[in-house]
Structure formats: C-alpha cells, structure tokens
C-alpha cells in the first residue's frame, strides 16, 4: 500500500499500539500517530541518514507483530 512513498505512514493497529505504549497513553488519533512517526524518523536521520518514515513504520510494524 505504501510502496515507493518514503514519507508514507499507515496508522494501523500495530503502529498505534507502539506509539500509545511509548507515550504512556490509552489512545491517540491517527493524525497524531502519523505526525509522531514522521517527526521521529526525521530526528533519527541525524544518526541514521537512511531512515525514512516508511522504514520506521515498517520497523515498528515488524516489532509489534511478533
């Protein structure tokens, strides 16, 4: 679904669960989740220039699905 769009973030249940847990919240809006993942990817680029929102999204998704 997000193939080729390096800025793409899909706020599915895995991503929402990860972000809400990280923030210590009960819930979060889809828009807030997308914004947080995009901003986090931008911060991570300082040490990891290859990091994009899509790659961070996928890394979180893989972590959460196990």
PDB file of N, CA and C in Angstrom:
ATOM      1  N   UNK A   1       0.805  -1.193   0.000  1.00  0.00           N
ATOM      2  CA  UNK A   1       0.000   0.000   0.000  1.00  0.00           C
ATOM      3  C   UNK A   1       0.854   1.265   0.000  1.00  0.00           C
ATOM      4  N   UNK A   2       1.941   1.254   0.728  1.00  0.00           N
ATOM      5  CA  UNK A   2       2.788   2.438   0.804  1.00  0.00           C
ATOM      6  C   UNK A   2       4.047   2.315  -0.055  1.00  0.00           C
ATOM      7  N   UNK A   3       4.120   1.295  -0.868  1.00  0.00           N
ATOM      8  CA  UNK A   3       5.318   1.036  -1.662  1.00  0.00           C
ATOM      9  C   UNK A   3       5.716   2.264  -2.476  1.00  0.00           C
ATOM     10  N   UNK A   4       6.967   2.644  -2.338  1.00  0.00           N
ATOM     11  CA  UNK A   4       7.502   3.755  -3.110  1.00  0.00           C
ATOM     12  C   UNK A   4       7.328   5.123  -2.471  1.00  0.00           C
ATOM     13  N   UNK A   5       6.472   5.250  -1.486  1.00  0.00           N
ATOM     14  CA  UNK A   5       6.249   6.539  -0.823  1.00  0.00           C
ATOM     15  C   UNK A   5       7.031   6.549   0.489  1.00  0.00           C
ATOM     16  N   UNK A   6       8.253   7.050   0.451  1.00  0.00           N
ATOM     17  CA  UNK A   6       9.128   7.018   1.625  1.00  0.00           C
ATOM     18  C   UNK A   6       8.610   7.865   2.788  1.00  0.00           C
ATOM     19  N   UNK A   7       7.671   8.770   2.522  1.00  0.00           N
ATOM     20  CA  UNK A   7       7.097   9.598   3.580  1.00  0.00           C
ATOM     21  C   UNK A   7       5.819   8.986   4.146  1.00  0.00           C
ATOM     22  N   UNK A   8       5.363   7.895   3.522  1.00  0.00           N
ATOM     23  CA  UNK A   8       4.103   7.279   3.904  1.00  0.00           C
ATOM     24  C   UNK A   8       4.145   6.600   5.260  1.00  0.00           C
ATOM     25  N   UNK A   9       3.077   6.786   6.009  1.00  0.00           N
ATOM     26  CA  UNK A   9       2.906   6.147   7.310  1.00  0.00           C
ATOM     27  C   UNK A   9       1.453   5.688   7.380  1.00  0.00           C
ATOM     28  N   UNK A  10       1.240   4.427   7.719  1.00  0.00           N
ATOM     29  CA  UNK A  10      -0.118   3.889   7.835  1.00  0.00           C
ATOM     30  C   UNK A  10      -0.393   3.609   9.313  1.00  0.00           C
ATOM     31  N   UNK A  11      -1.264   4.378   9.919  1.00  0.00           N
ATOM     32  CA  UNK A  11      -1.534   4.208  11.355  1.00  0.00           C
ATOM     33  C   UNK A  11      -2.419   2.988  11.641  1.00  0.00           C
ATOM     34  N   UNK A  12      -1.873   1.790  11.413  1.00  0.00           N
ATOM     35  CA  UNK A  12      -2.625   0.571  11.693  1.00  0.00           C
ATOM     36  C   UNK A  12      -2.531   0.228  13.182  1.00  0.00           C
ATOM     37  N   UNK A  13      -3.134  -0.878  13.576  1.00  0.00           N
ATOM     38  CA  UNK A  13      -3.186  -1.213  15.000  1.00  0.00           C
ATOM     39  C   UNK A  13      -1.801  -1.423  15.615  1.00  0.00           C
ATOM     40  N   UNK A  14      -0.856  -1.954  14.829  1.00  0.00           N
ATOM     41  CA  UNK A  14       0.494  -2.172  15.355  1.00  0.00           C
ATOM     42  C   UNK A  14       1.187  -0.843  15.662  1.00  0.00           C
ATOM     43  N   UNK A  15       1.099   0.074  14.730  1.00  0.00           N
ATOM     44  CA  UNK A  15       1.739   1.377  14.907  1.00  0.00           C
ATOM     45  C   UNK A  15       1.077   2.158  16.040  1.00  0.00           C
ATOM     46  N   UNK A  16      -0.242   2.148  16.060  1.00  0.00           N
ATOM     47  CA  UNK A  16      -0.965   2.850  17.129  1.00  0.00           C
ATOM     48  C   UNK A  16      -0.622   2.278  18.499  1.00  0.00           C
ATOM     49  N   UNK A  17      -0.560   0.951  18.611  1.00  0.00           N
ATOM     50  CA  UNK A  17      -0.214   0.318  19.888  1.00  0.00           C
ATOM     51  C   UNK A  17       1.189   0.724  20.336  1.00  0.00           C
ATOM     52  N   UNK A  18       2.142   0.710  19.413  1.00  0.00           N
ATOM     53  CA  UNK A  18       3.520   1.067  19.751  1.00  0.00           C
ATOM     54  C   UNK A  18       3.612   2.511  20.246  1.00  0.00           C
ATOM     55  N   UNK A  19       3.008   3.429  19.512  1.00  0.00           N
ATOM     56  CA  UNK A  19       3.099   4.847  19.868  1.00  0.00           C
ATOM     57  C   UNK A  19       2.362   5.132  21.176  1.00  0.00           C
ATOM     58  N   UNK A  20       1.174   4.578  21.358  1.00  0.00           N
ATOM     59  CA  UNK A  20       0.446   4.827  22.606  1.00  0.00           C
ATOM     60  C   UNK A  20       1.195   4.261  23.805  1.00  0.00           C
ATOM     61  N   UNK A  21       1.789   3.086  23.634  1.00  0.00           N
ATOM     62  CA  UNK A  21       2.576   2.498  24.726  1.00  0.00           C
ATOM     63  C   UNK A  21       3.803   3.356  25.029  1.00  0.00           C
ATOM     64  N   UNK A  22       4.491   3.802  23.980  1.00  0.00           N
ATOM     65  CA  UNK A  22       5.687   4.634  24.164  1.00  0.00           C
ATOM     66  C   UNK A  22       5.357   5.943  24.878  1.00  0.00           C
ATOM     67  N   UNK A  23       4.175   6.478  24.608  1.00  0.00           N
ATOM     68  CA  UNK A  23       3.762   7.737  25.229  1.00  0.00           C
ATOM     69  C   UNK A  23       3.060   7.540  26.568  1.00  0.00           C
ATOM     70  N   UNK A  24       2.740   6.291  26.897  1.00  0.00           N
ATOM     71  CA  UNK A  24       2.032   6.019  28.141  1.00  0.00           C
ATOM     72  C   UNK A  24       0.596   6.508  28.119  1.00  0.00           C
ATOM     73  N   UNK A  25      -0.016   6.450  26.949  1.00  0.00           N
ATOM     74  CA  UNK A  25      -1.394   6.921  26.789  1.00  0.00           C
ATOM     75  C   UNK A  25      -2.325   5.751  26.528  1.00  0.00           C
ATOM     76  N   UNK A  26      -3.612   5.999  26.731  1.00  0.00           N
ATOM     77  CA  UNK A  26      -4.613   4.984  26.438  1.00  0.00           C
ATOM     78  C   UNK A  26      -4.954   4.956  24.957  1.00  0.00           C
ATOM     79  N   UNK A  27      -4.890   6.117  24.309  1.00  0.00           N
ATOM     80  CA  UNK A  27      -5.191   6.182  22.878  1.00  0.00           C
ATOM     81  C   UNK A  27      -4.542   7.411  22.265  1.00  0.00           C
ATOM     82  N   UNK A  28      -4.575   7.445  20.942  1.00  0.00           N
ATOM     83  CA  UNK A  28      -4.019   8.557  20.189  1.00  0.00           C
ATOM     84  C   UNK A  28      -4.742   8.599  18.844  1.00  0.00           C
ATOM     85  N   UNK A  29      -4.870   9.762  18.252  1.00  0.00           N
ATOM     86  CA  UNK A  29      -5.536   9.863  16.949  1.00  0.00           C
ATOM     87  C   UNK A  29      -4.599   9.374  15.849  1.00  0.00           C
ATOM     88  N   UNK A  30      -5.190   8.969  14.743  1.00  0.00           N
ATOM     89  CA  UNK A  30      -4.388   8.539  13.601  1.00  0.00           C
ATOM     90  C   UNK A  30      -3.462   9.655  13.128  1.00  0.00           C
ATOM     91  N   UNK A  31      -3.982  10.867  13.054  1.00  0.00           N
ATOM     92  CA  UNK A  31      -3.173  12.004  12.598  1.00  0.00           C
ATOM     93  C   UNK A  31      -1.985  12.264  13.513  1.00  0.00           C
ATOM     94  N   UNK A  32      -2.207  12.174  14.819  1.00  0.00           N
ATOM     95  CA  UNK A  32      -1.117  12.391  15.776  1.00  0.00           C
ATOM     96  C   UNK A  32      -0.072  11.286  15.642  1.00  0.00           C
ATOM     97  N   UNK A  33      -0.517  10.071  15.439  1.00  0.00           N
ATOM     98  CA  UNK A  33       0.401   8.946  15.275  1.00  0.00           C
ATOM     99  C   UNK A  33       1.287   9.145  14.046  1.00  0.00           C
ATOM    100  N   UNK A  34       0.688   9.526  12.947  1.00  0.00           N
ATOM    101  CA  UNK A  34       1.443   9.770  11.712  1.00  0.00           C
ATOM    102  C   UNK A  34       2.460  10.884  11.926  1.00  0.00           C
ATOM    103  N   UNK A  35       2.043  11.959  12.555  1.00  0.00           N
ATOM    104  CA  UNK A  35       2.943  13.094  12.805  1.00  0.00           C
ATOM    105  C   UNK A  35       4.114  12.668  13.688  1.00  0.00           C
ATOM    106  N   UNK A  36       3.848  11.905  14.726  1.00  0.00           N
ATOM    107  CA  UNK A  36       4.900  11.468  15.649  1.00  0.00           C
ATOM    108  C   UNK A  36       5.902  10.567  14.940  1.00  0.00           C
ATOM    109  N   UNK A  37       5.428   9.643  14.128  1.00  0.00           N
ATOM    110  CA  UNK A  37       6.344   8.741  13.408  1.00  0.00           C
ATOM    111  C   UNK A  37       7.179   9.526  12.402  1.00  0.00           C
ATOM    112  N   UNK A  38       6.569  10.453  11.686  1.00  0.00           N
ATOM    113  CA  UNK A  38       7.327  11.262  10.720  1.00  0.00           C
ATOM    114  C   UNK A  38       8.381  12.117  11.411  1.00  0.00           C
ATOM    115  N   UNK A  39       8.008  12.750  12.517  1.00  0.00           N
ATOM    116  CA  UNK A  39       8.975  13.583  13.243  1.00  0.00           C
ATOM    117  C   UNK A  39      10.071  12.734  13.877  1.00  0.00           C
ATOM    118  N   UNK A  40       9.720  11.554  14.340  1.00  0.00           N
ATOM    119  CA  UNK A  40      10.723  10.651  14.913  1.00  0.00           C
ATOM    120  C   UNK A  40      11.720  10.204  13.859  1.00  0.00           C
ATOM    121  N   UNK A  41      11.226   9.883  12.678  1.00  0.00           N
ATOM    122  CA  UNK A  41      12.121   9.488  11.587  1.00  0.00           C
ATOM    123  C   UNK A  41      13.073  10.623  11.242  1.00  0.00           C
ATOM    124  N   UNK A  42      12.566  11.831  11.244  1.00  0.00           N
ATOM    125  CA  UNK A  42      13.406  12.993  10.943  1.00  0.00           C
ATOM    126  C   UNK A  42      14.513  13.141  11.993  1.00  0.00           C
ATOM    127  N   UNK A  43      14.176  12.962  13.257  1.00  0.00           N
ATOM    128  CA  UNK A  43      15.185  13.040  14.318  1.00  0.00           C
ATOM    129  C   UNK A  43      16.218  11.919  14.186  1.00  0.00           C
ATOM    130  N   UNK A  44      15.756  10.727  13.832  1.00  0.00           N
ATOM    131  CA  UNK A  44      16.664   9.588  13.694  1.00  0.00           C
ATOM    132  C   UNK A  44      17.626   9.746  12.519  1.00  0.00           C
ATOM    133  N   UNK A  45      17.255  10.556  11.535  1.00  0.00           N
ATOM    134  CA  UNK A  45      18.115  10.755  10.365  1.00  0.00           C
ATOM    135  C   UNK A  45      19.451  11.401  10.714  1.00  0.00           C
ATOM    136  N   UNK A  46      19.527  12.065  11.846  1.00  0.00           N
ATOM    137  CA  UNK A  46      20.800  12.668  12.255  1.00  0.00           C
ATOM    138  C   UNK A  46      21.878  11.606  12.417  1.00  0.00           C
ATOM    139  N   UNK A  47      21.525  10.464  12.989  1.00  0.00           N
ATOM    140  CA  UNK A  47      22.480   9.367  13.184  1.00  0.00           C
ATOM    141  C   UNK A  47      22.317   8.256  12.154  1.00  0.00           C
ATOM    142  N   UNK A  48      21.162   8.199  11.515  1.00  0.00           N
ATOM    143  CA  UNK A  48      20.855   7.149  10.544  1.00  0.00           C
ATOM    144  C   UNK A  48      20.259   7.801   9.291  1.00  0.00           C
ATOM    145  N   UNK A  49      21.098   8.308   8.387  1.00  0.00           N
ATOM    146  CA  UNK A  49      20.625   9.072   7.238  1.00  0.00           C
ATOM    147  C   UNK A  49      19.645   8.312   6.331  1.00  0.00           C
ATOM    148  N   UNK A  50      19.651   7.008   6.384  1.00  0.00           N
ATOM    149  CA  UNK A  50      18.770   6.189   5.546  1.00  0.00           C
ATOM    150  C   UNK A  50      17.353   6.071   6.108  1.00  0.00           C
ATOM    151  N   UNK A  51      17.136   6.563   7.323  1.00  0.00           N
ATOM    152  CA  UNK A  51      15.832   6.411   7.972  1.00  0.00           C
ATOM    153  C   UNK A  51      14.795   7.318   7.313  1.00  0.00           C
ATOM    154  N   UNK A  52      13.665   6.729   6.965  1.00  0.00           N
ATOM    155  CA  UNK A  52      12.532   7.461   6.417  1.00  0.00           C
ATOM    156  C   UNK A  52      11.298   7.098   7.239  1.00  0.00           C
ATOM    157  N   UNK A  53      10.229   7.867   7.142  1.00  0.00           N
ATOM    158  CA  UNK A  53       9.010   7.488   7.851  1.00  0.00           C
ATOM    159  C   UNK A  53       8.517   6.090   7.463  1.00  0.00           C
ATOM    160  N   UNK A  54       8.615   5.747   6.175  1.00  0.00           N
ATOM    161  CA  UNK A  54       8.184   4.423   5.732  1.00  0.00           C
ATOM    162  C   UNK A  54       9.016   3.321   6.382  1.00  0.00           C
ATOM    163  N   UNK A  55      10.318   3.495   6.444  1.00  0.00           N
ATOM    164  CA  UNK A  55      11.187   2.477   7.054  1.00  0.00           C
ATOM    165  C   UNK A  55      10.943   2.366   8.553  1.00  0.00           C
ATOM    166  N   UNK A  56      10.706   3.483   9.210  1.00  0.00           N
ATOM    167  CA  UNK A  56      10.406   3.438  10.638  1.00  0.00           C
ATOM    168  C   UNK A  56       9.063   2.757  10.872  1.00  0.00           C
ATOM    169  N   UNK A  57       8.071   3.099  10.068  1.00  0.00           N
ATOM    170  CA  UNK A  57       6.753   2.462  10.133  1.00  0.00           C
ATOM    171  C   UNK A  57       6.907   0.951  10.020  1.00  0.00           C
ATOM    172  N   UNK A  58       7.642   0.484   9.022  1.00  0.00           N
ATOM    173  CA  UNK A  58       7.814  -0.946   8.801  1.00  0.00           C
ATOM    174  C   UNK A  58       8.587  -1.609   9.941  1.00  0.00           C
ATOM    175  N   UNK A  59       9.592  -0.935  10.470  1.00  0.00           N
ATOM    176  CA  UNK A  59      10.351  -1.495  11.606  1.00  0.00           C
ATOM    177  C   UNK A  59       9.462  -1.655  12.827  1.00  0.00           C
ATOM    178  N   UNK A  60       8.635  -0.670  13.086  1.00  0.00           N
ATOM    179  CA  UNK A  60       7.708  -0.749  14.216  1.00  0.00           C
ATOM    180  C   UNK A  60       6.693  -1.857  13.970  1.00  0.00           C
ATOM    181  N   UNK A  61       6.169  -1.939  12.755  1.00  0.00           N
ATOM    182  CA  UNK A  61       5.191  -2.966  12.413  1.00  0.00           C
ATOM    183  C   UNK A  61       5.771  -4.355  12.634  1.00  0.00           C
ATOM    184  N   UNK A  62       7.019  -4.591  12.171  1.00  0.00           N
ATOM    185  CA  UNK A  62       7.652  -5.893  12.361  1.00  0.00           C
ATOM    186  C   UNK A  62       7.841  -6.205  13.837  1.00  0.00           C
ATOM    187  N   UNK A  63       8.248  -5.213  14.606  1.00  0.00           N
ATOM    188  CA  UNK A  63       8.448  -5.396  16.048  1.00  0.00           C
ATOM    189  C   UNK A  63       7.137  -5.750  16.740  1.00  0.00           C
ATOM    190  N   UNK A  64       6.075  -5.062  16.420  1.00  0.00           N
ATOM    191  CA  UNK A  64       4.796  -5.250  17.078  1.00  0.00           C
ATOM    192  C   UNK A  64       4.074  -6.526  16.681  1.00  0.00           C
ATOM    193  N   UNK A  65       4.306  -7.030  15.500  1.00  0.00           N
ATOM    194  CA  UNK A  65       3.575  -8.207  15.045  1.00  0.00           C
ATOM    195  C   UNK A  65       4.082  -9.497  15.685  1.00  0.00           C
ATOM    196  N   UNK A  66       5.250  -9.460  16.290  1.00  0.00           N
ATOM    197  CA  UNK A  66       5.809 -10.672  16.907  1.00  0.00           C
ATOM    198  C   UNK A  66       5.399 -10.837  18.344  1.00  0.00           C
TER     199      UNK A  66
END
